[in-house]
N, C-alpha and C. Protein backbone atom coordinates (compact mmCIF):
# COMPACT_ATOMS: atom_id res chain seq x y z
N MET A 1 4.71 -4.34 16.29
CA MET A 1 5.49 -3.14 16.33
C MET A 1 4.55 -1.95 16.17
N LYS A 2 4.75 -0.93 16.95
CA LYS A 2 3.96 0.30 16.87
C LYS A 2 4.73 1.32 16.04
N LEU A 3 4.00 2.04 15.18
CA LEU A 3 4.60 3.07 14.34
C LEU A 3 3.89 4.39 14.60
N GLN A 4 4.62 5.49 14.56
CA GLN A 4 4.02 6.80 14.76
C GLN A 4 4.42 7.71 13.60
N PRO A 5 3.47 8.32 12.91
CA PRO A 5 3.77 9.20 11.79
C PRO A 5 4.17 10.59 12.28
N ASP A 6 4.84 11.37 11.40
CA ASP A 6 5.17 12.76 11.69
C ASP A 6 3.91 13.61 11.73
N ARG A 7 2.99 13.35 10.83
CA ARG A 7 1.74 14.10 10.76
C ARG A 7 0.61 13.19 11.20
N LEU A 8 -0.24 13.69 12.06
CA LEU A 8 -1.34 12.88 12.55
C LEU A 8 -2.61 13.07 11.74
N ASP A 9 -2.59 13.96 10.75
CA ASP A 9 -3.80 14.23 9.98
C ASP A 9 -3.89 13.39 8.71
N VAL A 10 -2.99 12.44 8.53
CA VAL A 10 -3.06 11.55 7.37
C VAL A 10 -3.38 10.14 7.83
N GLN A 11 -3.94 9.37 6.94
CA GLN A 11 -4.21 7.95 7.20
C GLN A 11 -2.86 7.24 7.41
N SER A 12 -2.70 6.58 8.54
CA SER A 12 -1.42 5.98 8.90
C SER A 12 -1.57 4.51 9.25
N ILE A 13 -0.50 3.77 9.07
CA ILE A 13 -0.45 2.38 9.51
C ILE A 13 0.12 2.39 10.91
N LEU A 14 -0.69 2.00 11.87
CA LEU A 14 -0.34 2.09 13.29
C LEU A 14 0.39 0.87 13.81
N GLY A 15 0.24 -0.25 13.13
CA GLY A 15 0.90 -1.48 13.53
C GLY A 15 0.68 -2.56 12.50
N TYR A 16 1.43 -3.64 12.63
CA TYR A 16 1.27 -4.75 11.69
C TYR A 16 1.78 -6.02 12.32
N GLY A 17 1.36 -7.12 11.76
CA GLY A 17 1.80 -8.43 12.21
C GLY A 17 1.47 -9.44 11.13
N PRO A 18 1.76 -10.70 11.37
CA PRO A 18 1.47 -11.71 10.36
C PRO A 18 -0.03 -11.75 10.02
N GLY A 19 -0.37 -11.45 8.78
CA GLY A 19 -1.75 -11.51 8.31
C GLY A 19 -2.62 -10.32 8.64
N TRP A 20 -2.05 -9.18 9.09
CA TRP A 20 -2.88 -8.01 9.39
C TRP A 20 -2.05 -6.73 9.39
N VAL A 21 -2.74 -5.61 9.21
CA VAL A 21 -2.18 -4.27 9.43
C VAL A 21 -3.22 -3.48 10.22
N GLY A 22 -2.75 -2.54 11.01
CA GLY A 22 -3.65 -1.66 11.76
C GLY A 22 -3.63 -0.29 11.12
N LEU A 23 -4.77 0.20 10.71
CA LEU A 23 -4.88 1.48 10.01
C LEU A 23 -5.56 2.48 10.93
N GLY A 24 -5.07 3.72 10.93
CA GLY A 24 -5.68 4.75 11.77
C GLY A 24 -5.77 6.07 11.05
N SER A 25 -6.82 6.80 11.39
CA SER A 25 -7.02 8.14 10.84
C SER A 25 -7.87 8.92 11.82
N GLN A 26 -7.36 10.07 12.24
CA GLN A 26 -8.09 10.97 13.13
C GLN A 26 -8.65 10.26 14.35
N GLY A 27 -7.80 9.47 15.01
CA GLY A 27 -8.18 8.83 16.26
C GLY A 27 -8.97 7.54 16.15
N VAL A 28 -9.25 7.08 14.93
CA VAL A 28 -10.01 5.84 14.73
C VAL A 28 -9.04 4.77 14.22
N ALA A 29 -9.03 3.61 14.88
CA ALA A 29 -8.15 2.52 14.47
C ALA A 29 -8.97 1.36 13.93
N GLU A 30 -8.39 0.67 12.96
CA GLU A 30 -9.07 -0.46 12.32
C GLU A 30 -8.03 -1.54 12.01
N LYS A 31 -8.35 -2.78 12.34
CA LYS A 31 -7.47 -3.91 12.01
C LYS A 31 -7.95 -4.52 10.71
N ILE A 32 -7.04 -4.62 9.74
CA ILE A 32 -7.37 -5.12 8.40
C ILE A 32 -6.63 -6.43 8.17
N ASP A 33 -7.38 -7.47 7.76
CA ASP A 33 -6.77 -8.78 7.54
C ASP A 33 -6.97 -9.27 6.10
N TYR A 34 -7.06 -8.34 5.17
CA TYR A 34 -7.20 -8.65 3.75
C TYR A 34 -6.32 -7.69 2.95
N SER A 35 -5.99 -8.06 1.73
CA SER A 35 -5.18 -7.18 0.88
C SER A 35 -5.91 -5.87 0.69
N VAL A 36 -5.15 -4.78 0.75
CA VAL A 36 -5.78 -3.46 0.78
C VAL A 36 -4.90 -2.42 0.09
N VAL A 37 -5.55 -1.40 -0.45
CA VAL A 37 -4.87 -0.23 -1.00
C VAL A 37 -5.18 0.93 -0.07
N ILE A 38 -4.14 1.63 0.37
CA ILE A 38 -4.26 2.73 1.31
C ILE A 38 -3.54 3.94 0.74
N GLY A 39 -4.15 5.11 0.85
CA GLY A 39 -3.53 6.32 0.36
C GLY A 39 -3.46 7.42 1.40
N ALA A 40 -2.47 8.28 1.24
CA ALA A 40 -2.26 9.38 2.18
C ALA A 40 -3.38 10.41 2.14
N ARG A 41 -4.17 10.42 1.09
CA ARG A 41 -5.28 11.37 0.98
C ARG A 41 -6.62 10.73 1.33
N GLY A 42 -6.57 9.62 2.06
CA GLY A 42 -7.78 8.97 2.53
C GLY A 42 -8.28 7.84 1.67
N GLU A 43 -7.60 7.54 0.59
CA GLU A 43 -8.01 6.41 -0.26
C GLU A 43 -7.88 5.12 0.54
N LYS A 44 -8.88 4.26 0.40
CA LYS A 44 -8.81 2.94 1.03
C LYS A 44 -9.84 2.04 0.36
N PHE A 45 -9.37 0.92 -0.17
CA PHE A 45 -10.29 -0.07 -0.70
C PHE A 45 -9.64 -1.45 -0.66
N ALA A 46 -10.50 -2.46 -0.56
CA ALA A 46 -10.01 -3.84 -0.58
C ALA A 46 -9.39 -4.12 -1.93
N TRP A 47 -8.26 -4.80 -1.91
CA TRP A 47 -7.56 -5.17 -3.13
C TRP A 47 -7.83 -6.64 -3.33
N ASP A 48 -8.61 -6.99 -4.32
CA ASP A 48 -9.13 -8.34 -4.50
C ASP A 48 -8.06 -9.33 -4.97
N CYS A 49 -7.12 -9.65 -4.09
CA CYS A 49 -6.13 -10.69 -4.39
C CYS A 49 -5.60 -11.23 -3.07
N ALA A 50 -5.67 -12.51 -2.92
CA ALA A 50 -5.23 -13.15 -1.68
C ALA A 50 -3.83 -13.73 -1.80
N SER A 51 -3.27 -13.71 -3.01
CA SER A 51 -1.92 -14.24 -3.19
C SER A 51 -1.22 -13.51 -4.33
N PHE A 52 0.08 -13.56 -4.33
CA PHE A 52 0.89 -12.91 -5.35
C PHE A 52 0.52 -13.43 -6.75
N GLU A 53 0.25 -14.71 -6.83
CA GLU A 53 -0.06 -15.33 -8.13
C GLU A 53 -1.37 -14.84 -8.73
N GLN A 54 -2.25 -14.26 -7.94
CA GLN A 54 -3.54 -13.76 -8.43
C GLN A 54 -3.45 -12.34 -9.01
N LEU A 55 -2.32 -11.67 -8.86
CA LEU A 55 -2.20 -10.30 -9.35
C LEU A 55 -2.36 -10.23 -10.86
N SER A 56 -3.04 -9.17 -11.31
CA SER A 56 -3.22 -8.93 -12.74
C SER A 56 -2.99 -7.45 -13.04
N ALA A 57 -2.94 -7.12 -14.30
CA ALA A 57 -2.77 -5.72 -14.70
C ALA A 57 -3.92 -4.86 -14.18
N ALA A 58 -5.11 -5.42 -14.08
CA ALA A 58 -6.27 -4.67 -13.59
C ALA A 58 -6.06 -4.18 -12.15
N HIS A 59 -5.38 -4.96 -11.33
CA HIS A 59 -5.11 -4.55 -9.95
C HIS A 59 -4.30 -3.24 -9.93
N PHE A 60 -3.29 -3.15 -10.78
CA PHE A 60 -2.44 -1.96 -10.80
C PHE A 60 -3.07 -0.82 -11.60
N SER A 61 -3.93 -1.14 -12.57
CA SER A 61 -4.62 -0.10 -13.34
C SER A 61 -5.54 0.72 -12.45
N ARG A 62 -6.22 0.05 -11.53
CA ARG A 62 -7.12 0.77 -10.61
C ARG A 62 -6.33 1.77 -9.76
N ILE A 63 -5.13 1.40 -9.36
CA ILE A 63 -4.28 2.30 -8.58
C ILE A 63 -3.80 3.46 -9.45
N ALA A 64 -3.46 3.18 -10.70
CA ALA A 64 -2.99 4.23 -11.61
C ALA A 64 -4.03 5.32 -11.78
N GLU A 65 -5.30 4.97 -11.75
CA GLU A 65 -6.38 5.95 -11.89
C GLU A 65 -6.40 6.98 -10.76
N LEU A 66 -5.79 6.65 -9.62
CA LEU A 66 -5.72 7.57 -8.48
C LEU A 66 -4.65 8.65 -8.67
N ALA A 67 -3.78 8.46 -9.64
CA ALA A 67 -2.72 9.41 -10.01
C ALA A 67 -1.83 9.84 -8.84
N PRO A 68 -1.28 8.87 -8.09
CA PRO A 68 -0.37 9.25 -7.01
C PRO A 68 1.01 9.61 -7.55
N GLU A 69 1.85 10.18 -6.68
CA GLU A 69 3.25 10.42 -7.04
C GLU A 69 4.00 9.10 -7.12
N LEU A 70 3.68 8.22 -6.15
CA LEU A 70 4.42 6.98 -5.98
C LEU A 70 3.51 5.89 -5.46
N VAL A 71 3.73 4.67 -5.92
CA VAL A 71 3.03 3.50 -5.41
C VAL A 71 4.07 2.61 -4.72
N ILE A 72 3.75 2.21 -3.51
CA ILE A 72 4.58 1.26 -2.79
C ILE A 72 3.82 -0.06 -2.76
N PHE A 73 4.40 -1.07 -3.39
CA PHE A 73 3.77 -2.39 -3.45
C PHE A 73 4.38 -3.28 -2.39
N GLY A 74 3.56 -3.72 -1.44
CA GLY A 74 3.99 -4.68 -0.42
C GLY A 74 3.66 -6.07 -0.91
N SER A 75 4.68 -6.84 -1.26
CA SER A 75 4.49 -8.11 -1.97
C SER A 75 4.22 -9.31 -1.07
N GLY A 76 3.89 -9.08 0.19
CA GLY A 76 3.61 -10.19 1.10
C GLY A 76 4.75 -10.40 2.07
N THR A 77 4.89 -11.61 2.56
CA THR A 77 5.89 -11.90 3.58
C THR A 77 7.31 -11.92 3.04
N ARG A 78 7.44 -12.02 1.73
CA ARG A 78 8.78 -11.98 1.13
C ARG A 78 8.77 -11.08 -0.09
N LEU A 79 9.94 -10.63 -0.48
CA LEU A 79 10.09 -9.73 -1.62
C LEU A 79 9.92 -10.48 -2.93
N ARG A 80 8.91 -10.04 -3.72
CA ARG A 80 8.64 -10.61 -5.04
C ARG A 80 8.27 -9.47 -5.96
N PHE A 81 8.83 -9.45 -7.14
CA PHE A 81 8.59 -8.37 -8.09
C PHE A 81 7.54 -8.77 -9.12
N PRO A 82 6.51 -7.92 -9.32
CA PRO A 82 5.51 -8.22 -10.35
C PRO A 82 6.11 -8.04 -11.74
N SER A 83 5.56 -8.73 -12.68
CA SER A 83 5.99 -8.61 -14.07
C SER A 83 5.78 -7.19 -14.57
N PRO A 84 6.70 -6.65 -15.37
CA PRO A 84 6.50 -5.31 -15.93
C PRO A 84 5.19 -5.17 -16.71
N ALA A 85 4.71 -6.24 -17.28
CA ALA A 85 3.44 -6.18 -18.02
C ALA A 85 2.28 -5.79 -17.11
N LEU A 86 2.35 -6.18 -15.84
CA LEU A 86 1.29 -5.83 -14.89
C LEU A 86 1.33 -4.34 -14.52
N LEU A 87 2.48 -3.72 -14.68
CA LEU A 87 2.69 -2.34 -14.25
C LEU A 87 2.58 -1.34 -15.40
N ARG A 88 2.16 -1.80 -16.55
CA ARG A 88 2.15 -0.96 -17.75
C ARG A 88 1.39 0.36 -17.56
N ASP A 89 0.20 0.33 -16.94
CA ASP A 89 -0.57 1.57 -16.74
C ASP A 89 0.16 2.56 -15.84
N LEU A 90 0.81 2.06 -14.80
CA LEU A 90 1.58 2.95 -13.93
C LEU A 90 2.74 3.57 -14.69
N MET A 91 3.46 2.76 -15.45
CA MET A 91 4.62 3.26 -16.19
C MET A 91 4.21 4.25 -17.27
N SER A 92 3.11 3.98 -17.96
CA SER A 92 2.68 4.89 -19.04
C SER A 92 2.26 6.25 -18.49
N ARG A 93 1.83 6.30 -17.24
CA ARG A 93 1.45 7.57 -16.60
C ARG A 93 2.61 8.19 -15.83
N ARG A 94 3.77 7.56 -15.92
CA ARG A 94 4.98 8.03 -15.26
C ARG A 94 4.82 8.09 -13.74
N ILE A 95 4.13 7.09 -13.19
CA ILE A 95 3.95 6.95 -11.75
C ILE A 95 5.01 5.96 -11.26
N GLY A 96 5.80 6.39 -10.29
CA GLY A 96 6.84 5.53 -9.75
C GLY A 96 6.25 4.39 -8.94
N ILE A 97 6.93 3.25 -8.95
CA ILE A 97 6.51 2.12 -8.12
C ILE A 97 7.74 1.50 -7.48
N GLU A 98 7.63 1.24 -6.19
CA GLU A 98 8.67 0.56 -5.43
C GLU A 98 8.08 -0.71 -4.87
N THR A 99 8.83 -1.79 -4.94
CA THR A 99 8.38 -3.08 -4.43
C THR A 99 9.22 -3.45 -3.22
N MET A 100 8.55 -3.91 -2.18
CA MET A 100 9.22 -4.39 -0.97
C MET A 100 8.29 -5.35 -0.26
N ASP A 101 8.78 -6.05 0.75
CA ASP A 101 7.86 -6.91 1.48
C ASP A 101 6.83 -6.02 2.20
N THR A 102 5.72 -6.60 2.59
CA THR A 102 4.60 -5.81 3.12
C THR A 102 4.98 -5.03 4.37
N LEU A 103 5.77 -5.61 5.26
CA LEU A 103 6.14 -4.89 6.49
C LEU A 103 7.01 -3.68 6.18
N ALA A 104 7.95 -3.80 5.27
CA ALA A 104 8.77 -2.66 4.86
C ALA A 104 7.91 -1.61 4.16
N ALA A 105 6.92 -2.06 3.37
CA ALA A 105 6.03 -1.13 2.68
C ALA A 105 5.23 -0.30 3.69
N CYS A 106 4.81 -0.92 4.79
CA CYS A 106 4.07 -0.19 5.84
C CYS A 106 4.93 0.94 6.42
N ARG A 107 6.16 0.63 6.75
CA ARG A 107 7.06 1.64 7.33
C ARG A 107 7.34 2.76 6.34
N THR A 108 7.61 2.41 5.10
CA THR A 108 7.94 3.41 4.07
C THR A 108 6.74 4.30 3.78
N TYR A 109 5.56 3.71 3.70
CA TYR A 109 4.34 4.49 3.48
C TYR A 109 4.19 5.56 4.56
N ASN A 110 4.34 5.18 5.82
CA ASN A 110 4.17 6.14 6.92
C ASN A 110 5.14 7.31 6.80
N ILE A 111 6.37 7.03 6.45
CA ILE A 111 7.36 8.10 6.31
C ILE A 111 6.94 9.07 5.22
N LEU A 112 6.60 8.54 4.05
CA LEU A 112 6.25 9.41 2.92
C LEU A 112 4.93 10.13 3.13
N ALA A 113 3.93 9.45 3.69
CA ALA A 113 2.65 10.09 3.97
C ALA A 113 2.83 11.19 5.02
N GLY A 114 3.69 10.93 6.02
CA GLY A 114 3.97 11.91 7.05
C GLY A 114 4.65 13.15 6.52
N GLU A 115 5.34 13.02 5.39
CA GLU A 115 5.98 14.17 4.73
C GLU A 115 5.01 14.95 3.85
N GLY A 116 3.76 14.47 3.76
CA GLY A 116 2.77 15.16 2.94
C GLY A 116 2.77 14.74 1.48
N ARG A 117 3.42 13.64 1.14
CA ARG A 117 3.47 13.17 -0.24
C ARG A 117 2.19 12.44 -0.60
N HIS A 118 1.79 12.50 -1.88
CA HIS A 118 0.62 11.73 -2.35
C HIS A 118 1.11 10.34 -2.71
N VAL A 119 1.14 9.47 -1.72
CA VAL A 119 1.64 8.12 -1.88
C VAL A 119 0.49 7.13 -1.67
N ILE A 120 0.53 6.05 -2.42
CA ILE A 120 -0.42 4.95 -2.29
C ILE A 120 0.37 3.70 -1.96
N THR A 121 -0.10 2.91 -1.02
CA THR A 121 0.51 1.61 -0.79
C THR A 121 -0.50 0.52 -1.06
N ALA A 122 -0.07 -0.46 -1.81
CA ALA A 122 -0.90 -1.63 -2.13
C ALA A 122 -0.28 -2.79 -1.38
N LEU A 123 -0.99 -3.28 -0.37
CA LEU A 123 -0.45 -4.29 0.53
C LEU A 123 -1.08 -5.65 0.29
N LEU A 124 -0.26 -6.60 -0.05
CA LEU A 124 -0.71 -7.98 -0.19
C LEU A 124 -0.66 -8.62 1.18
N ILE A 125 -1.83 -8.88 1.75
CA ILE A 125 -1.92 -9.51 3.08
C ILE A 125 -2.30 -10.97 2.85
N GLU A 126 -1.36 -11.84 3.16
CA GLU A 126 -1.58 -13.26 2.94
C GLU A 126 -2.06 -13.92 4.22
N PRO A 127 -3.02 -14.83 4.10
CA PRO A 127 -3.54 -15.50 5.32
C PRO A 127 -2.47 -16.33 6.02
């Protein structure tokens, strides 16, 4: 599926499929096949977890340090909610978090990033 953002000056998810997402910014496209954190202000780094069961509080603490308005967690091919203990740093900083499957997270990220919001999406990409 192809997606088009309202604003072309933000990092956007251009497409996705089983085991990958396509990321684009300023005319450059990249296919990513590993778990990744993407932000509307250009943040991008590999998220060191290949499965939902590997998630730890440290994964979400690193995102909390970016101080976004909202975090969208893409939990993989199906909807799974992380334990509140893993989200403690986000909650203590009053950073909102929404959980959805990874494909829904891609679509939601594009909408919010296109509106100019400081949003971060953490996408669990499972092999």
